[in-house]
Amino acid sequence: QAAGQRPKSLYRIPFGIGAHASRATVMTGSATHIAAR
Protein backbone atom coordinates (compact mmCIF):
# COMPACT_ATOMS: atom_id res chain seq x y z
CA GLN A 1 0.00 0.00 0.00
CA ALA A 2 2.83 2.38 0.86
CA ALA A 3 4.38 1.74 -2.55
CA GLY A 4 1.12 2.80 -4.17
CA GLN A 5 0.28 -0.66 -5.49
CA ARG A 6 -3.36 -1.44 -6.10
CA PRO A 7 -4.86 -3.91 -3.61
CA LYS A 8 -5.30 -7.40 -4.96
CA SER A 9 -8.72 -8.46 -6.13
CA LEU A 10 -10.96 -10.60 -4.01
CA TYR A 11 -10.86 -14.30 -4.78
CA ARG A 12 -13.16 -17.24 -4.17
CA ILE A 13 -11.03 -20.35 -3.82
CA PRO A 14 -12.59 -23.77 -3.08
CA PHE A 15 -10.77 -25.93 -0.54
CA GLY A 16 -11.35 -29.56 0.35
CA ILE A 17 -9.36 -32.26 -1.44
CA GLY A 18 -8.83 -35.95 -0.78
CA ALA A 19 -8.70 -36.70 2.93
CA HIS A 20 -9.94 -33.20 3.69
CA ALA A 21 -12.90 -33.29 1.31
CA SER A 22 -15.28 -33.30 4.28
CA ARG A 23 -13.84 -29.91 5.22
CA ALA A 24 -14.60 -28.39 1.83
CA THR A 25 -15.21 -24.68 2.04
CA VAL A 26 -14.90 -21.61 -0.12
CA MET A 27 -12.42 -19.01 1.07
CA THR A 28 -13.14 -15.46 -0.03
CA GLY A 29 -10.74 -12.56 0.31
CA SER A 30 -7.47 -11.15 -0.93
CA ALA A 31 -4.51 -13.41 -1.58
CA THR A 32 -2.92 -12.03 1.61
CA HIS A 33 -5.97 -12.88 3.72
CA ILE A 34 -6.14 -16.36 2.26
CA ALA A 35 -2.44 -16.85 2.94
CA ALA A 36 -2.95 -15.86 6.58
CA ARG A 37 -5.67 -18.51 6.88
PDB file of all heavy atoms in Angstrom:
ATOM      1  N   GLN A   1       0.831  -1.197   0.000  1.00  0.00           N
ATOM      2  CA  GLN A   1       0.000   0.000   0.000  1.00  0.00           C
ATOM      3  C   GLN A   1       0.867   1.249   0.000  1.00  0.00           C
ATOM      4  O   GLN A   1       0.572   2.229  -0.680  1.00  0.00           O
ATOM      5  CB  GLN A   1      -0.917  -0.017   1.217  1.00  0.00           C
ATOM      6  CG  GLN A   1      -1.954  -1.140   1.189  1.00  0.00           C
ATOM      7  CD  GLN A   1      -2.792  -1.163   2.445  1.00  0.00           C
ATOM      8  OE1 GLN A   1      -2.936  -0.150   3.119  1.00  0.00           O
ATOM      9  NE2 GLN A   1      -3.342  -2.321   2.769  1.00  0.00           N
ATOM     10  N   ALA A   2       1.953   1.222   0.788  1.00  0.00           N
ATOM     11  CA  ALA A   2       2.834   2.384   0.863  1.00  0.00           C
ATOM     12  C   ALA A   2       3.505   2.665  -0.474  1.00  0.00           C
ATOM     13  O   ALA A   2       3.811   3.804  -0.813  1.00  0.00           O
ATOM     14  CB  ALA A   2       3.896   2.165   1.944  1.00  0.00           C
ATOM     15  N   ALA A   3       3.743   1.580  -1.245  1.00  0.00           N
ATOM     16  CA  ALA A   3       4.381   1.739  -2.547  1.00  0.00           C
ATOM     17  C   ALA A   3       3.388   2.175  -3.622  1.00  0.00           C
ATOM     18  O   ALA A   3       3.748   2.319  -4.781  1.00  0.00           O
ATOM     19  CB  ALA A   3       5.043   0.426  -2.961  1.00  0.00           C
ATOM     20  N   GLY A   4       2.127   2.336  -3.219  1.00  0.00           N
ATOM     21  CA  GLY A   4       1.121   2.800  -4.166  1.00  0.00           C
ATOM     22  C   GLY A   4       0.573   1.709  -5.056  1.00  0.00           C
ATOM     23  O   GLY A   4      -0.052   1.988  -6.074  1.00  0.00           O
ATOM     24  N   GLN A   5       0.799   0.425  -4.672  1.00  0.00           N
ATOM     25  CA  GLN A   5       0.284  -0.661  -5.489  1.00  0.00           C
ATOM     26  C   GLN A   5      -1.213  -0.830  -5.226  1.00  0.00           C
ATOM     27  O   GLN A   5      -1.692  -0.649  -4.105  1.00  0.00           O
ATOM     28  CB  GLN A   5       1.018  -1.960  -5.150  1.00  0.00           C
ATOM     29  CG  GLN A   5       2.495  -1.901  -5.470  1.00  0.00           C
ATOM     30  CD  GLN A   5       3.201  -3.168  -5.038  1.00  0.00           C
ATOM     31  OE1 GLN A   5       2.574  -4.120  -4.610  1.00  0.00           O
ATOM     32  NE2 GLN A   5       4.513  -3.169  -5.159  1.00  0.00           N
ATOM     33  N   ARG A   6      -1.929  -1.213  -6.245  1.00  0.00           N
ATOM     34  CA  ARG A   6      -3.357  -1.437  -6.101  1.00  0.00           C
ATOM     35  C   ARG A   6      -3.585  -2.697  -5.286  1.00  0.00           C
ATOM     36  O   ARG A   6      -2.871  -3.679  -5.429  1.00  0.00           O
ATOM     37  CB  ARG A   6      -4.013  -1.585  -7.471  1.00  0.00           C
ATOM     38  CG  ARG A   6      -3.919  -0.343  -8.323  1.00  0.00           C
ATOM     39  CD  ARG A   6      -4.534  -0.599  -9.665  1.00  0.00           C
ATOM     40  NE  ARG A   6      -5.951  -0.967  -9.540  1.00  0.00           N
ATOM     41  CZ  ARG A   6      -6.693  -1.374 -10.563  1.00  0.00           C
ATOM     42  NH1 ARG A   6      -6.153  -1.481 -11.763  1.00  0.00           N
ATOM     43  NH2 ARG A   6      -7.950  -1.685 -10.383  1.00  0.00           N
ATOM     44  N   PRO A   7      -4.585  -2.703  -4.383  1.00  0.00           N
ATOM     45  CA  PRO A   7      -4.859  -3.914  -3.611  1.00  0.00           C
ATOM     46  C   PRO A   7      -5.278  -5.045  -4.534  1.00  0.00           C
ATOM     47  O   PRO A   7      -5.904  -4.814  -5.572  1.00  0.00           O
ATOM     48  CB  PRO A   7      -6.009  -3.490  -2.676  1.00  0.00           C
ATOM     49  CG  PRO A   7      -6.657  -2.337  -3.370  1.00  0.00           C
ATOM     50  CD  PRO A   7      -5.543  -1.622  -4.100  1.00  0.00           C
ATOM     51  N   LYS A   8      -4.944  -6.249  -4.132  1.00  0.00           N
ATOM     52  CA  LYS A   8      -5.296  -7.402  -4.962  1.00  0.00           C
ATOM     53  C   LYS A   8      -6.804  -7.604  -4.954  1.00  0.00           C
ATOM     54  O   LYS A   8      -7.501  -7.284  -3.995  1.00  0.00           O
ATOM     55  CB  LYS A   8      -4.581  -8.659  -4.437  1.00  0.00           C
ATOM     56  CG  LYS A   8      -3.087  -8.605  -4.666  1.00  0.00           C
ATOM     57  CD  LYS A   8      -2.454  -9.930  -4.287  1.00  0.00           C
ATOM     58  CE  LYS A   8      -0.959  -9.897  -4.553  1.00  0.00           C
ATOM     59  NZ  LYS A   8      -0.660  -9.721  -5.963  1.00  0.00           N
ATOM     60  N   SER A   9      -7.303  -8.192  -6.026  1.00  0.00           N
ATOM     61  CA  SER A   9      -8.722  -8.459  -6.129  1.00  0.00           C
ATOM     62  C   SER A   9      -9.133  -9.499  -5.103  1.00  0.00           C
ATOM     63  O   SER A   9      -8.310 -10.206  -4.545  1.00  0.00           O
ATOM     64  CB  SER A   9      -9.053  -8.973  -7.538  1.00  0.00           C
ATOM     65  OG  SER A   9      -8.644  -8.058  -8.517  1.00  0.00           O
ATOM     66  N   LEU A  10     -10.445  -9.560  -4.885  1.00  0.00           N
ATOM     67  CA  LEU A  10     -10.962 -10.597  -4.009  1.00  0.00           C
ATOM     68  C   LEU A  10     -11.094 -11.892  -4.801  1.00  0.00           C
ATOM     69  O   LEU A  10     -11.436 -11.889  -5.978  1.00  0.00           O
ATOM     70  CB  LEU A  10     -12.324 -10.188  -3.443  1.00  0.00           C
ATOM     71  CG  LEU A  10     -12.309  -8.969  -2.513  1.00  0.00           C
ATOM     72  CD1 LEU A  10     -13.716  -8.694  -2.007  1.00  0.00           C
ATOM     73  CD2 LEU A  10     -11.365  -9.182  -1.345  1.00  0.00           C
ATOM     74  N   TYR A  11     -10.820 -13.002  -4.122  1.00  0.00           N
ATOM     75  CA  TYR A  11     -10.858 -14.299  -4.783  1.00  0.00           C
ATOM     76  C   TYR A  11     -11.796 -15.233  -4.038  1.00  0.00           C
ATOM     77  O   TYR A  11     -11.955 -15.139  -2.823  1.00  0.00           O
ATOM     78  CB  TYR A  11      -9.461 -14.920  -4.827  1.00  0.00           C
ATOM     79  CG  TYR A  11      -8.425 -14.052  -5.474  1.00  0.00           C
ATOM     80  CD1 TYR A  11      -7.449 -13.424  -4.713  1.00  0.00           C
ATOM     81  CD2 TYR A  11      -8.424 -13.851  -6.847  1.00  0.00           C
ATOM     82  CE1 TYR A  11      -6.495 -12.610  -5.315  1.00  0.00           C
ATOM     83  CE2 TYR A  11      -7.480 -13.044  -7.451  1.00  0.00           C
ATOM     84  CZ  TYR A  11      -6.514 -12.427  -6.674  1.00  0.00           C
ATOM     85  OH  TYR A  11      -5.581 -11.632  -7.263  1.00  0.00           O
ATOM     86  N   ARG A  12     -12.380 -16.156  -4.771  1.00  0.00           N
ATOM     87  CA  ARG A  12     -13.157 -17.243  -4.169  1.00  0.00           C
ATOM     88  C   ARG A  12     -12.447 -18.533  -4.554  1.00  0.00           C
ATOM     89  O   ARG A  12     -12.429 -18.927  -5.712  1.00  0.00           O
ATOM     90  CB  ARG A  12     -14.600 -17.237  -4.694  1.00  0.00           C
ATOM     91  CG  ARG A  12     -15.413 -16.063  -4.187  1.00  0.00           C
ATOM     92  CD  ARG A  12     -16.806 -16.055  -4.792  1.00  0.00           C
ATOM     93  NE  ARG A  12     -17.528 -17.300  -4.556  1.00  0.00           N
ATOM     94  CZ  ARG A  12     -18.164 -17.577  -3.431  1.00  0.00           C
ATOM     95  NH1 ARG A  12     -18.147 -16.716  -2.422  1.00  0.00           N
ATOM     96  NH2 ARG A  12     -18.814 -18.712  -3.285  1.00  0.00           N
ATOM     97  N   ILE A  13     -11.829 -19.166  -3.562  1.00  0.00           N
ATOM     98  CA  ILE A  13     -11.027 -20.350  -3.817  1.00  0.00           C
ATOM     99  C   ILE A  13     -11.615 -21.537  -3.071  1.00  0.00           C
ATOM    100  O   ILE A  13     -11.717 -21.523  -1.844  1.00  0.00           O
ATOM    101  CB  ILE A  13      -9.573 -20.142  -3.369  1.00  0.00           C
ATOM    102  CG1 ILE A  13      -8.990 -18.916  -4.083  1.00  0.00           C
ATOM    103  CG2 ILE A  13      -8.730 -21.376  -3.655  1.00  0.00           C
ATOM    104  CD1 ILE A  13      -7.574 -18.626  -3.703  1.00  0.00           C
ATOM    105  N   PRO A  14     -12.033 -22.605  -3.767  1.00  0.00           N
ATOM    106  CA  PRO A  14     -12.594 -23.774  -3.083  1.00  0.00           C
ATOM    107  C   PRO A  14     -11.495 -24.617  -2.466  1.00  0.00           C
ATOM    108  O   PRO A  14     -10.477 -24.884  -3.092  1.00  0.00           O
ATOM    109  CB  PRO A  14     -13.303 -24.524  -4.218  1.00  0.00           C
ATOM    110  CG  PRO A  14     -12.517 -24.159  -5.442  1.00  0.00           C
ATOM    111  CD  PRO A  14     -12.051 -22.744  -5.231  1.00  0.00           C
ATOM    112  N   PHE A  15     -11.696 -25.031  -1.216  1.00  0.00           N
ATOM    113  CA  PHE A  15     -10.773 -25.935  -0.538  1.00  0.00           C
ATOM    114  C   PHE A  15     -11.515 -27.211  -0.184  1.00  0.00           C
ATOM    115  O   PHE A  15     -12.717 -27.214   0.011  1.00  0.00           O
ATOM    116  CB  PHE A  15     -10.238 -25.288   0.745  1.00  0.00           C
ATOM    117  CG  PHE A  15      -9.142 -24.302   0.502  1.00  0.00           C
ATOM    118  CD1 PHE A  15      -9.428 -23.035   0.029  1.00  0.00           C
ATOM    119  CD2 PHE A  15      -7.828 -24.637   0.728  1.00  0.00           C
ATOM    120  CE1 PHE A  15      -8.422 -22.118  -0.200  1.00  0.00           C
ATOM    121  CE2 PHE A  15      -6.816 -23.730   0.494  1.00  0.00           C
ATOM    122  CZ  PHE A  15      -7.105 -22.469   0.042  1.00  0.00           C
ATOM    123  N   GLY A  16     -10.753 -28.291  -0.036  1.00  0.00           N
ATOM    124  CA  GLY A  16     -11.347 -29.563   0.353  1.00  0.00           C
ATOM    125  C   GLY A  16     -11.009 -30.623  -0.663  1.00  0.00           C
ATOM    126  O   GLY A  16     -11.727 -30.848  -1.617  1.00  0.00           O
ATOM    127  N   ILE A  17      -9.846 -31.278  -0.480  1.00  0.00           N
ATOM    128  CA  ILE A  17      -9.362 -32.262  -1.443  1.00  0.00           C
ATOM    129  C   ILE A  17      -9.003 -33.538  -0.709  1.00  0.00           C
ATOM    130  O   ILE A  17      -8.473 -33.507   0.395  1.00  0.00           O
ATOM    131  CB  ILE A  17      -8.125 -31.742  -2.185  1.00  0.00           C
ATOM    132  CG1 ILE A  17      -8.479 -30.476  -2.968  1.00  0.00           C
ATOM    133  CG2 ILE A  17      -7.544 -32.777  -3.120  1.00  0.00           C
ATOM    134  CD1 ILE A  17      -7.315 -29.853  -3.672  1.00  0.00           C
ATOM    135  N   GLY A  18      -9.270 -34.671  -1.331  1.00  0.00           N
ATOM    136  CA  GLY A  18      -8.827 -35.952  -0.784  1.00  0.00           C
ATOM    137  C   GLY A  18      -9.319 -36.174   0.632  1.00  0.00           C
ATOM    138  O   GLY A  18     -10.508 -36.149   0.912  1.00  0.00           O
ATOM    139  N   ALA A  19      -8.354 -36.380   1.550  1.00  0.00           N
ATOM    140  CA  ALA A  19      -8.697 -36.701   2.934  1.00  0.00           C
ATOM    141  C   ALA A  19      -9.442 -35.557   3.603  1.00  0.00           C
ATOM    142  O   ALA A  19     -10.124 -35.757   4.609  1.00  0.00           O
ATOM    143  CB  ALA A  19      -7.428 -37.029   3.719  1.00  0.00           C
ATOM    144  N   HIS A  20      -9.313 -34.349   3.069  1.00  0.00           N
ATOM    145  CA  HIS A  20      -9.939 -33.196   3.685  1.00  0.00           C
ATOM    146  C   HIS A  20     -11.204 -32.773   2.940  1.00  0.00           C
ATOM    147  O   HIS A  20     -11.686 -31.662   3.138  1.00  0.00           O
ATOM    148  CB  HIS A  20      -8.951 -32.023   3.741  1.00  0.00           C
ATOM    149  CG  HIS A  20      -7.690 -32.357   4.466  1.00  0.00           C
ATOM    150  ND1 HIS A  20      -7.668 -32.668   5.795  1.00  0.00           N
ATOM    151  CD2 HIS A  20      -6.407 -32.462   4.031  1.00  0.00           C
ATOM    152  CE1 HIS A  20      -6.426 -32.933   6.172  1.00  0.00           C
ATOM    153  NE2 HIS A  20      -5.647 -32.813   5.116  1.00  0.00           N
ATOM    154  N   ALA A  21     -11.731 -33.657   2.102  1.00  0.00           N
ATOM    155  CA  ALA A  21     -12.901 -33.287   1.310  1.00  0.00           C
ATOM    156  C   ALA A  21     -14.080 -32.932   2.207  1.00  0.00           C
ATOM    157  O   ALA A  21     -14.904 -32.089   1.857  1.00  0.00           O
ATOM    158  CB  ALA A  21     -13.282 -34.420   0.362  1.00  0.00           C
ATOM    159  N   SER A  22     -14.168 -33.582   3.384  1.00  0.00           N
ATOM    160  CA  SER A  22     -15.278 -33.301   4.277  1.00  0.00           C
ATOM    161  C   SER A  22     -15.202 -31.892   4.834  1.00  0.00           C
ATOM    162  O   SER A  22     -16.174 -31.370   5.374  1.00  0.00           O
ATOM    163  CB  SER A  22     -15.292 -34.304   5.430  1.00  0.00           C
ATOM    164  OG  SER A  22     -14.103 -34.205   6.188  1.00  0.00           O
ATOM    165  N   ARG A  23     -14.030 -31.265   4.709  1.00  0.00           N
ATOM    166  CA  ARG A  23     -13.845 -29.913   5.219  1.00  0.00           C
ATOM    167  C   ARG A  23     -13.979 -28.878   4.103  1.00  0.00           C
ATOM    168  O   ARG A  23     -13.556 -27.741   4.267  1.00  0.00           O
ATOM    169  CB  ARG A  23     -12.466 -29.771   5.865  1.00  0.00           C
ATOM    170  CG  ARG A  23     -12.238 -30.739   6.999  1.00  0.00           C
ATOM    171  CD  ARG A  23     -10.967 -30.396   7.733  1.00  0.00           C
ATOM    172  NE  ARG A  23     -11.020 -29.005   8.209  1.00  0.00           N
ATOM    173  CZ  ARG A  23      -9.990 -28.413   8.792  1.00  0.00           C
ATOM    174  NH1 ARG A  23      -8.857 -29.049   8.938  1.00  0.00           N
ATOM    175  NH2 ARG A  23     -10.092 -27.168   9.209  1.00  0.00           N
ATOM    176  N   ALA A  24     -14.524 -29.292   2.983  1.00  0.00           N
ATOM    177  CA  ALA A  24     -14.603 -28.394   1.833  1.00  0.00           C
ATOM    178  C   ALA A  24     -15.272 -27.081   2.211  1.00  0.00           C
ATOM    179  O   ALA A  24     -16.279 -27.040   2.890  1.00  0.00           O
ATOM    180  CB  ALA A  24     -15.379 -29.062   0.696  1.00  0.00           C
ATOM    181  N   THR A  25     -14.689 -26.004   1.776  1.00  0.00           N
ATOM    182  CA  THR A  25     -15.213 -24.679   2.041  1.00  0.00           C
ATOM    183  C   THR A  25     -14.775 -23.768   0.916  1.00  0.00           C
ATOM    184  O   THR A  25     -13.948 -24.140   0.096  1.00  0.00           O
ATOM    185  CB  THR A  25     -14.703 -24.146   3.394  1.00  0.00           C
ATOM    186  OG1 THR A  25     -15.318 -22.889   3.656  1.00  0.00           O
ATOM    187  CG2 THR A  25     -13.193 -23.968   3.391  1.00  0.00           C
ATOM    188  N   VAL A  26     -15.330 -22.603   0.861  1.00  0.00           N
ATOM    189  CA  VAL A  26     -14.903 -21.606  -0.117  1.00  0.00           C
ATOM    190  C   VAL A  26     -14.342 -20.428   0.657  1.00  0.00           C
ATOM    191  O   VAL A  26     -15.017 -19.834   1.495  1.00  0.00           O
ATOM    192  CB  VAL A  26     -16.074 -21.143  -1.008  1.00  0.00           C
ATOM    193  CG1 VAL A  26     -15.620 -20.007  -1.919  1.00  0.00           C
ATOM    194  CG2 VAL A  26     -16.583 -22.310  -1.834  1.00  0.00           C
ATOM    195  N   MET A  27     -13.077 -20.118   0.399  1.00  0.00           N
ATOM    196  CA  MET A  27     -12.423 -19.006   1.071  1.00  0.00           C
ATOM    197  C   MET A  27     -12.503 -17.786   0.174  1.00  0.00           C
ATOM    198  O   MET A  27     -12.122 -17.836  -0.994  1.00  0.00           O
ATOM    199  CB  MET A  27     -10.965 -19.353   1.386  1.00  0.00           C
ATOM    200  CG  MET A  27     -10.827 -20.470   2.393  1.00  0.00           C
ATOM    201  SD  MET A  27      -9.112 -20.943   2.648  1.00  0.00           S
ATOM    202  CE  MET A  27      -8.417 -19.396   3.211  1.00  0.00           C
ATOM    203  N   THR A  28     -13.001 -16.703   0.725  1.00  0.00           N
ATOM    204  CA  THR A  28     -13.139 -15.464  -0.026  1.00  0.00           C
ATOM    205  C   THR A  28     -12.265 -14.395   0.611  1.00  0.00           C
ATOM    206  O   THR A  28     -12.221 -14.264   1.821  1.00  0.00           O
ATOM    207  CB  THR A  28     -14.603 -14.988  -0.031  1.00  0.00           C
ATOM    208  OG1 THR A  28     -15.411 -16.020  -0.579  1.00  0.00           O
ATOM    209  CG2 THR A  28     -14.761 -13.733  -0.858  1.00  0.00           C
ATOM    210  N   GLY A  29     -11.561 -13.644  -0.211  1.00  0.00           N
ATOM    211  CA  GLY A  29     -10.737 -12.560   0.308  1.00  0.00           C
ATOM    212  C   GLY A  29      -9.556 -12.306  -0.593  1.00  0.00           C
ATOM    213  O   GLY A  29      -9.439 -12.889  -1.664  1.00  0.00           O
ATOM    214  N   SER A  30      -8.673 -11.429  -0.162  1.00  0.00           N
ATOM    215  CA  SER A  30      -7.472 -11.148  -0.929  1.00  0.00           C
ATOM    216  C   SER A  30      -6.501 -12.312  -0.789  1.00  0.00           C
ATOM    217  O   SER A  30      -6.633 -13.153   0.108  1.00  0.00           O
ATOM    218  CB  SER A  30      -6.800  -9.871  -0.428  1.00  0.00           C
ATOM    219  OG  SER A  30      -6.262 -10.080   0.870  1.00  0.00           O
ATOM    220  N   ALA A  31      -5.517 -12.356  -1.670  1.00  0.00           N
ATOM    221  CA  ALA A  31      -4.507 -13.410  -1.577  1.00  0.00           C
ATOM    222  C   ALA A  31      -3.809 -13.362  -0.227  1.00  0.00           C
ATOM    223  O   ALA A  31      -3.490 -14.401   0.363  1.00  0.00           O
ATOM    224  CB  ALA A  31      -3.486 -13.250  -2.705  1.00  0.00           C
ATOM    225  N   THR A  32      -3.582 -12.169   0.313  1.00  0.00           N
ATOM    226  CA  THR A  32      -2.917 -12.035   1.606  1.00  0.00           C
ATOM    227  C   THR A  32      -3.778 -12.608   2.724  1.00  0.00           C
ATOM    228  O   THR A  32      -3.288 -13.313   3.607  1.00  0.00           O
ATOM    229  CB  THR A  32      -2.598 -10.554   1.901  1.00  0.00           C
ATOM    230  OG1 THR A  32      -1.688 -10.083   0.913  1.00  0.00           O
ATOM    231  CG2 THR A  32      -1.964 -10.398   3.277  1.00  0.00           C
ATOM    232  N   HIS A  33      -5.089 -12.349   2.695  1.00  0.00           N
ATOM    233  CA  HIS A  33      -5.969 -12.879   3.722  1.00  0.00           C
ATOM    234  C   HIS A  33      -6.050 -14.395   3.642  1.00  0.00           C
ATOM    235  O   HIS A  33      -6.072 -15.083   4.671  1.00  0.00           O
ATOM    236  CB  HIS A  33      -7.366 -12.265   3.577  1.00  0.00           C
ATOM    237  CG  HIS A  33      -7.411 -10.809   3.912  1.00  0.00           C
ATOM    238  ND1 HIS A  33      -8.330  -9.945   3.382  1.00  0.00           N
ATOM    239  CD2 HIS A  33      -6.614 -10.056   4.711  1.00  0.00           C
ATOM    240  CE1 HIS A  33      -8.120  -8.725   3.846  1.00  0.00           C
ATOM    241  NE2 HIS A  33      -7.084  -8.766   4.647  1.00  0.00           N
ATOM    242  N   ILE A  34      -6.102 -14.918   2.423  1.00  0.00           N
ATOM    243  CA  ILE A  34      -6.137 -16.364   2.255  1.00  0.00           C
ATOM    244  C   ILE A  34      -4.848 -16.982   2.764  1.00  0.00           C
ATOM    245  O   ILE A  34      -4.850 -18.017   3.442  1.00  0.00           O
ATOM    246  CB  ILE A  34      -6.386 -16.723   0.774  1.00  0.00           C
ATOM    247  CG1 ILE A  34      -7.804 -16.307   0.378  1.00  0.00           C
ATOM    248  CG2 ILE A  34      -6.178 -18.215   0.539  1.00  0.00           C
ATOM    249  CD1 ILE A  34      -8.082 -16.405  -1.101  1.00  0.00           C
ATOM    250  N   ALA A  35      -3.714 -16.344   2.465  1.00  0.00           N
ATOM    251  CA  ALA A  35      -2.437 -16.853   2.940  1.00  0.00           C
ATOM    252  C   ALA A  35      -2.389 -16.897   4.454  1.00  0.00           C
ATOM    253  O   ALA A  35      -1.884 -17.858   5.052  1.00  0.00           O
ATOM    254  CB  ALA A  35      -1.300 -15.977   2.405  1.00  0.00           C
ATOM    255  N   ALA A  36      -2.924 -15.881   5.123  1.00  0.00           N
ATOM    256  CA  ALA A  36      -2.946 -15.857   6.579  1.00  0.00           C
ATOM    257  C   ALA A  36      -3.760 -17.022   7.125  1.00  0.00           C
ATOM    258  O   ALA A  36      -3.408 -17.622   8.146  1.00  0.00           O
ATOM    259  CB  ALA A  36      -3.507 -14.530   7.075  1.00  0.00           C
ATOM    260  N   ARG A  37      -4.845 -17.364   6.453  1.00  0.00           N
ATOM    261  CA  ARG A  37      -5.673 -18.507   6.875  1.00  0.00           C
ATOM    262  C   ARG A  37      -4.874 -19.798   6.760  1.00  0.00           C
ATOM    263  O   ARG A  37      -4.962 -20.677   7.630  1.00  0.00           O
ATOM    264  CB  ARG A  37      -6.927 -18.572   6.007  1.00  0.00           C
ATOM    265  CG  ARG A  37      -7.769 -19.836   6.190  1.00  0.00           C
ATOM    266  CD  ARG A  37      -8.550 -19.836   7.488  1.00  0.00           C
ATOM    267  NE  ARG A  37      -9.270 -21.101   7.644  1.00  0.00           N
ATOM    268  CZ  ARG A  37     -10.456 -21.352   7.085  1.00  0.00           C
ATOM    269  NH1 ARG A  37     -11.065 -20.453   6.348  1.00  0.00           N
ATOM    270  NH2 ARG A  37     -11.040 -22.524   7.280  1.00  0.00           N
TER     271      ARG A  37
END
